[in-house]
Amino acid sequence: MAEEIACSPLEAEQAIEHLKEMGLLVPAPAHPSGYQAVRPGNALSRLMSLERELTEGWIRERTHRQEQILSLLREFPLHTGPTPEATIDLLPGGAAVNDFIEEHTLQAREQEQAMHPGGVPPVELVDEMIHRDVAALRQGVRLQAIYAHHLAAVPHLHEYLTEVSRYGADVRVAPAVPLRMLVIDDDLAILPMDPHDTARGAFAIRSHQVIGALRAVFRFHWAAAAPLAASSERQEVNNLLSPSEKMVIHMMAMGTKDEAIARQLGVSTRTLSRKISQLLERLSVQTRFQAAVKLTRAGVLDITDTPVRDLAS
């Protein structure tokens, strides 16, 4: 055959194999070449019929496997993780909350995260608070707390925060803290029933899912808060500003134009520009934007809603 079609025996063998795969040649022992040619239309019909049989067989096998899987799942349900359950205990009144916190902070194993928007503890409790927190720190518990700026300015509370910081507590301050919150390990969160009246009591929540969400809230405010040392800087910056300068800064932060500020102060725009230049020099900054950043970090100015274009001028 190779001689008849002018090719090598290997090429002839490869061509035959290819035609057999395509269904265009079928074995025929009675034929001199050992094969019989098949019309292309017939070969295509045979291939389509074979493909249909294979597909139907695959579908039958797939259906059978699905039935087996469903049967197993009915007999042995899968549990991919802990069932999301939550328990909530009501702590009526401030005394019940304090007793609960005192008991469970002693049981902390890894960390405590707290936020304090307001409410100054009595001065007579400072020593007890220091003793409790230092004991937890010595046992390897990590303490993180965010306090509102005005709390850190209270002398006896500032003394407490400074002391526990010396032993390793991480304390930060912020112009505003949204609510009082305490999270202990991954087991327990304590939230006020009424954020505006903590004396009404609190909820003690045990839920991994809820605590995960509260930790995300804490991390958000932690990233925006400043180290405790910033409270001292705040006082220093405050001492640098006169009442009229504070008014100028807040008016600039609200986007008020220099002409309007000058009219409010009863001075010319040139005098106002000179006052602003002197203020920037005392703050050791070069631009109004830098001044705004420094005053915000110190807690003197809240520029949350301040147009950037007015600070950058």
Protein backbone atom coordinates (compact mmCIF):
# COMPACT_ATOMS: atom_id res chain seq x y z
CA MET A 1 0.00 0.00 0.00
CA ALA A 2 2.86 2.34 0.80
CA GLU A 3 4.25 1.85 -2.70
CA GLU A 4 0.85 2.51 -4.29
CA ILE A 5 0.44 5.91 -2.58
CA ALA A 6 4.17 6.78 -2.79
CA CYS A 7 4.89 7.12 0.91
CA SER A 8 6.94 5.36 3.54
CA PRO A 9 5.52 2.37 5.46
CA LEU A 10 5.49 4.45 8.70
CA GLU A 11 3.51 7.26 7.05
CA ALA A 12 1.08 4.71 5.59
CA GLU A 13 0.60 3.12 9.02
CA GLN A 14 -0.04 6.52 10.64
CA ALA A 15 -2.56 7.44 7.95
CA ILE A 16 -4.42 4.15 8.44
CA GLU A 17 -4.59 4.66 12.20
CA HIS A 18 -5.95 8.17 11.71
CA LEU A 19 -8.65 6.94 9.28
CA LYS A 20 -9.59 4.15 11.71
CA GLU A 21 -9.98 6.70 14.51
CA MET A 22 -12.20 8.80 12.26
CA GLY A 23 -14.32 5.73 11.44
CA LEU A 24 -13.49 5.92 7.74
CA LEU A 25 -11.75 2.53 7.76
CA VAL A 26 -12.99 -0.65 9.39
CA PRO A 27 -11.20 -4.02 9.58
CA ALA A 28 -12.15 -6.36 6.67
CA PRO A 29 -10.10 -9.58 6.67
CA ALA A 30 -11.55 -10.64 3.28
CA HIS A 31 -10.28 -7.46 1.63
CA PRO A 32 -6.77 -7.58 0.16
CA SER A 33 -5.67 -4.57 2.25
CA GLY A 34 -7.37 -5.90 5.37
CA TYR A 35 -9.63 -2.79 5.60
CA GLN A 36 -12.82 -1.54 4.03
CA ALA A 37 -13.57 2.14 3.37
CA VAL A 38 -16.68 3.69 4.95
CA ARG A 39 -18.64 6.51 3.43
CA PRO A 40 -18.02 9.80 5.38
CA GLY A 41 -21.76 10.22 6.04
CA ASN A 42 -22.01 6.73 7.51
CA ALA A 43 -18.88 7.31 9.60
CA LEU A 44 -20.30 10.55 10.96
CA SER A 45 -23.61 8.89 11.87
CA ARG A 46 -21.75 6.11 13.68
CA LEU A 47 -19.60 8.64 15.61
CA MET A 48 -22.67 10.65 16.58
CA SER A 49 -24.44 7.50 17.74
CA LEU A 50 -21.39 6.49 19.79
CA GLU A 51 -21.15 10.00 21.29
CA ARG A 52 -24.83 9.87 22.25
CA GLU A 53 -24.38 6.49 23.94
CA LEU A 54 -21.33 7.74 25.85
CA THR A 55 -23.16 10.89 26.95
CA GLU A 56 -26.20 8.96 28.11
CA GLY A 57 -23.95 6.59 30.02
CA TRP A 58 -22.13 9.50 31.68
CA ILE A 59 -25.46 11.06 32.69
CA ARG A 60 -26.62 7.76 34.20
CA GLU A 61 -23.38 7.46 36.17
CA ARG A 62 -23.56 11.10 37.31
CA THR A 63 -27.17 10.69 38.46
CA HIS A 64 -26.20 7.55 40.36
CA ARG A 65 -23.29 9.32 42.09
CA GLN A 66 -25.51 12.28 43.03
CA GLU A 67 -28.05 9.92 44.57
CA GLN A 68 -25.29 8.25 46.58
CA ILE A 69 -23.98 11.65 47.81
CA LEU A 70 -27.46 12.82 48.82
CA SER A 71 -28.07 9.56 50.62
CA LEU A 72 -24.81 9.96 52.57
CA LEU A 73 -25.62 13.58 53.45
CA ARG A 74 -29.01 12.53 54.77
CA GLU A 75 -27.44 9.84 56.92
CA PHE A 76 -24.34 11.81 57.97
CA PRO A 77 -24.91 15.63 57.82
CA LEU A 78 -21.75 17.72 57.45
CA HIS A 79 -20.79 20.25 60.16
CA THR A 80 -18.22 22.66 58.74
CA GLY A 81 -17.86 24.74 61.91
CA PRO A 82 -19.43 25.71 65.20
CA THR A 83 -23.13 26.44 65.15
CA PRO A 84 -23.62 30.22 65.29
CA GLU A 85 -25.17 30.60 68.72
CA ALA A 86 -25.32 33.62 71.00
CA THR A 87 -26.26 34.05 74.63
CA ILE A 88 -27.12 37.44 76.09
CA ASP A 89 -27.32 38.18 79.81
CA LEU A 90 -28.92 41.33 81.17
CA LEU A 91 -26.94 43.21 83.83
CA PRO A 92 -29.39 45.63 85.47
CA GLY A 93 -27.76 48.72 86.94
CA GLY A 94 -24.23 50.04 87.30
CA ALA A 95 -23.41 47.95 90.37
CA ALA A 96 -24.26 44.68 88.61
CA VAL A 97 -22.17 45.73 85.61
CA ASN A 98 -19.15 46.60 87.78
CA ASP A 99 -19.37 43.31 89.71
CA PHE A 100 -19.64 41.34 86.47
CA ILE A 101 -16.66 43.13 84.92
CA GLU A 102 -14.58 42.67 88.07
CA GLU A 103 -15.27 38.92 88.07
CA HIS A 104 -14.64 38.28 84.38
CA THR A 105 -11.60 40.48 83.87
CA LEU A 106 -9.87 38.30 86.43
CA GLN A 107 -10.58 35.34 84.14
CA ALA A 108 -9.10 36.94 80.99
CA ARG A 109 -6.56 34.70 79.26
CA GLU A 110 -5.24 36.63 76.26
CA GLN A 111 -6.55 40.15 75.79
CA GLU A 112 -8.99 42.86 76.74
CA GLN A 113 -10.12 45.66 74.43
CA ALA A 114 -12.05 48.60 75.86
CA MET A 115 -13.52 51.89 74.70
CA HIS A 116 -14.40 54.71 77.14
CA PRO A 117 -16.36 57.69 75.79
CA GLY A 118 -17.08 59.27 79.18
CA GLY A 119 -17.71 58.76 82.85
CA VAL A 120 -14.89 59.45 85.28
CA PRO A 121 -14.33 56.80 87.98
CA PRO A 122 -14.01 58.06 91.59
CA VAL A 123 -10.48 58.97 92.65
CA GLU A 124 -10.60 56.39 95.46
CA LEU A 125 -10.86 53.56 92.88
CA VAL A 126 -7.64 54.46 91.05
CA ASP A 127 -5.33 52.29 93.17
CA GLU A 128 -7.67 49.31 92.82
CA MET A 129 -7.86 49.80 89.04
CA ILE A 130 -4.08 49.99 88.74
CA HIS A 131 -3.63 46.85 90.86
CA ARG A 132 -6.18 44.88 88.80
CA ASP A 133 -4.73 45.87 85.41
CA VAL A 134 -1.11 45.38 86.42
CA ALA A 135 -1.97 41.89 87.71
CA ALA A 136 -3.56 41.04 84.34
CA LEU A 137 -0.56 42.41 82.43
CA ARG A 138 1.83 40.33 84.53
CA GLN A 139 -0.20 37.24 83.63
CA GLY A 140 0.38 37.95 79.93
CA VAL A 141 -2.98 39.52 79.14
CA ARG A 142 -2.77 42.25 76.51
CA LEU A 143 -4.73 45.38 77.44
CA GLN A 144 -5.82 47.86 74.79
CA ALA A 145 -8.01 50.86 75.61
CA ILE A 146 -9.29 53.94 73.80
CA TYR A 147 -10.27 56.96 75.93
CA ALA A 148 -11.90 60.22 74.91
CA HIS A 149 -9.49 63.18 75.10
CA HIS A 150 -11.39 64.90 77.89
CA LEU A 151 -11.10 61.83 80.11
CA ALA A 152 -7.34 61.64 79.70
CA ALA A 153 -7.15 65.27 80.86
CA VAL A 154 -8.68 64.42 84.28
CA PRO A 155 -5.68 64.37 86.69
CA HIS A 156 -6.36 61.17 88.63
CA LEU A 157 -7.49 59.31 85.48
CA HIS A 158 -4.39 60.50 83.61
CA GLU A 159 -2.30 59.19 86.51
CA TYR A 160 -4.00 55.79 86.22
CA LEU A 161 -3.49 55.63 82.44
CA THR A 162 0.15 56.67 82.70
CA GLU A 163 0.84 54.07 85.39
CA VAL A 164 -0.72 51.11 83.57
CA SER A 165 1.03 52.21 80.37
CA ARG A 166 4.35 51.89 82.19
CA TYR A 167 3.52 48.22 82.81
CA GLY A 168 2.67 47.54 79.16
CA ALA A 169 -0.96 48.54 78.60
CA ASP A 170 -1.67 50.08 75.17
CA VAL A 171 -3.66 53.26 75.70
CA ARG A 172 -4.80 55.63 72.98
CA VAL A 173 -6.92 58.77 73.00
CA ALA A 174 -9.41 60.11 70.45
CA PRO A 175 -11.54 63.23 70.07
CA ALA A 176 -14.67 61.09 70.16
CA VAL A 177 -15.38 57.49 71.16
CA PRO A 178 -18.73 56.06 69.97
CA LEU A 179 -19.75 53.92 72.94
CA ARG A 180 -18.56 52.15 76.04
CA MET A 181 -17.43 48.63 75.22
CA LEU A 182 -15.36 45.86 76.74
CA VAL A 183 -14.33 42.69 74.87
CA ILE A 184 -12.60 39.91 76.83
CA ASP A 185 -10.75 37.27 74.79
CA ASP A 186 -12.99 35.77 72.10
CA ASP A 187 -15.67 34.81 74.59
CA LEU A 188 -17.37 37.86 76.01
CA ALA A 189 -18.45 41.38 75.08
CA ILE A 190 -20.10 43.90 77.41
CA LEU A 191 -22.18 46.68 75.82
CA PRO A 192 -24.42 49.29 77.49
CA MET A 193 -28.17 48.95 77.25
CA ASP A 194 -28.34 52.67 76.58
CA PRO A 195 -25.15 54.36 75.30
CA HIS A 196 -26.44 57.69 76.66
CA ASP A 197 -27.20 56.34 80.13
CA THR A 198 -24.82 53.58 81.21
CA ALA A 199 -26.34 53.55 84.69
CA ARG A 200 -29.28 51.58 83.25
CA GLY A 201 -27.09 48.51 82.89
CA ALA A 202 -25.47 46.46 80.16
CA PHE A 203 -25.68 43.34 78.03
CA ALA A 204 -23.12 40.55 78.41
CA ILE A 205 -22.90 38.86 75.01
CA ARG A 206 -21.26 35.52 74.26
CA SER A 207 -21.00 34.98 70.51
CA HIS A 208 -17.92 34.48 68.35
CA GLN A 209 -19.66 36.15 65.41
CA VAL A 210 -20.73 39.25 67.36
CA ILE A 211 -17.34 39.56 69.05
CA GLY A 212 -15.61 39.34 65.67
CA ALA A 213 -17.70 42.27 64.44
CA LEU A 214 -17.01 44.30 67.60
CA ARG A 215 -13.28 43.68 67.27
CA ALA A 216 -13.46 45.12 63.74
CA VAL A 217 -15.16 48.23 65.15
CA PHE A 218 -12.46 48.52 67.80
CA ARG A 219 -9.65 48.16 65.25
CA PHE A 220 -11.18 50.92 63.13
CA HIS A 221 -11.22 53.42 66.01
CA TRP A 222 -7.85 52.20 67.29
CA ALA A 223 -6.20 53.04 63.97
CA ALA A 224 -7.59 56.59 64.12
CA ALA A 225 -6.68 57.19 67.80
CA ALA A 226 -3.40 58.70 69.02
CA PRO A 227 -1.03 57.40 71.73
CA LEU A 228 -1.60 58.62 75.26
CA ALA A 229 1.32 61.04 74.95
CA ALA A 230 -0.83 63.04 72.53
CA SER A 231 -3.00 64.19 75.43
CA SER A 232 -0.01 66.05 76.82
CA GLU A 233 0.65 67.50 73.38
CA ARG A 234 -2.98 68.61 73.25
CA GLN A 235 -2.56 70.63 76.42
CA GLU A 236 0.66 72.17 75.10
CA VAL A 237 -1.01 73.13 71.82
CA ASN A 238 -4.02 74.51 73.67
CA ASN A 239 -1.69 76.72 75.69
CA LEU A 240 -0.26 78.12 72.47
CA LEU A 241 -3.66 79.34 71.25
CA SER A 242 -5.53 82.41 72.33
CA PRO A 243 -9.35 82.42 72.26
CA SER A 244 -9.37 84.51 69.05
CA GLU A 245 -6.90 82.14 67.39
CA LYS A 246 -9.05 79.16 68.28
CA MET A 247 -12.00 80.92 66.66
CA VAL A 248 -9.92 81.62 63.53
CA ILE A 249 -8.87 77.97 63.30
CA HIS A 250 -12.41 76.66 63.64
CA MET A 251 -13.73 79.13 61.08
CA MET A 252 -11.01 78.11 58.62
CA ALA A 253 -11.86 74.46 59.30
CA MET A 254 -15.50 75.17 58.43
CA GLY A 255 -14.40 76.60 55.08
CA THR A 256 -14.96 80.26 55.94
CA LYS A 257 -13.12 82.63 53.58
CA ASP A 258 -10.41 84.93 54.92
CA GLU A 259 -12.52 88.03 54.14
CA ALA A 260 -15.41 86.74 56.28
CA ILE A 261 -13.07 85.79 59.13
CA ALA A 262 -11.44 89.23 59.02
CA ARG A 263 -14.88 90.91 59.17
CA GLN A 264 -15.83 88.72 62.15
CA LEU A 265 -12.67 89.76 63.98
CA GLY A 266 -12.95 93.39 62.91
CA VAL A 267 -9.53 93.43 61.25
CA SER A 268 -8.22 93.75 57.71
CA THR A 269 -7.37 90.71 55.62
CA ARG A 270 -3.71 91.78 55.75
CA THR A 271 -3.80 91.76 59.56
CA LEU A 272 -5.51 88.37 59.51
CA SER A 273 -2.84 86.97 57.17
CA ARG A 274 -0.15 88.21 59.54
CA LYS A 275 -1.90 86.59 62.52
CA ILE A 276 -2.20 83.29 60.65
CA SER A 277 1.49 83.41 59.70
CA GLN A 278 2.44 84.00 63.35
CA LEU A 279 0.20 81.11 64.40
CA LEU A 280 1.79 78.73 61.88
CA GLU A 281 5.22 79.75 63.14
CA ARG A 282 4.29 79.00 66.79
CA LEU A 283 2.89 75.63 65.76
CA SER A 284 6.15 74.90 63.86
CA VAL A 285 4.32 74.19 60.61
CA GLN A 286 4.44 75.81 57.18
CA THR A 287 0.91 75.46 55.81
CA ARG A 288 -2.65 75.64 57.06
CA PHE A 289 -3.12 72.00 56.15
CA GLN A 290 -0.15 70.98 58.33
CA ALA A 291 -1.60 73.07 61.14
CA ALA A 292 -4.97 71.34 60.78
CA VAL A 293 -3.32 67.91 60.89
CA LYS A 294 -1.32 68.81 64.01
CA LEU A 295 -4.33 70.30 65.79
CA THR A 296 -6.49 67.30 64.87
CA ARG A 297 -3.92 64.82 66.15
CA ALA A 298 -3.74 66.82 69.37
CA GLY A 299 -7.53 66.69 69.66
CA VAL A 300 -7.92 70.47 69.45
CA LEU A 301 -9.64 70.43 66.07
CA ASP A 302 -12.09 68.00 64.44
CA ILE A 303 -11.79 68.29 60.65
CA THR A 304 -14.05 65.37 59.81
CA ASP A 305 -16.32 67.56 57.71
CA THR A 306 -13.73 70.13 56.66
CA PRO A 307 -13.32 70.76 52.91
CA VAL A 308 -9.75 69.86 51.97
CA ARG A 309 -9.50 72.77 49.51
CA ASP A 310 -9.95 75.31 52.34
CA LEU A 311 -7.25 73.77 54.53
CA ALA A 312 -4.77 73.43 51.74
CA SER A 313 -4.75 77.14 50.92
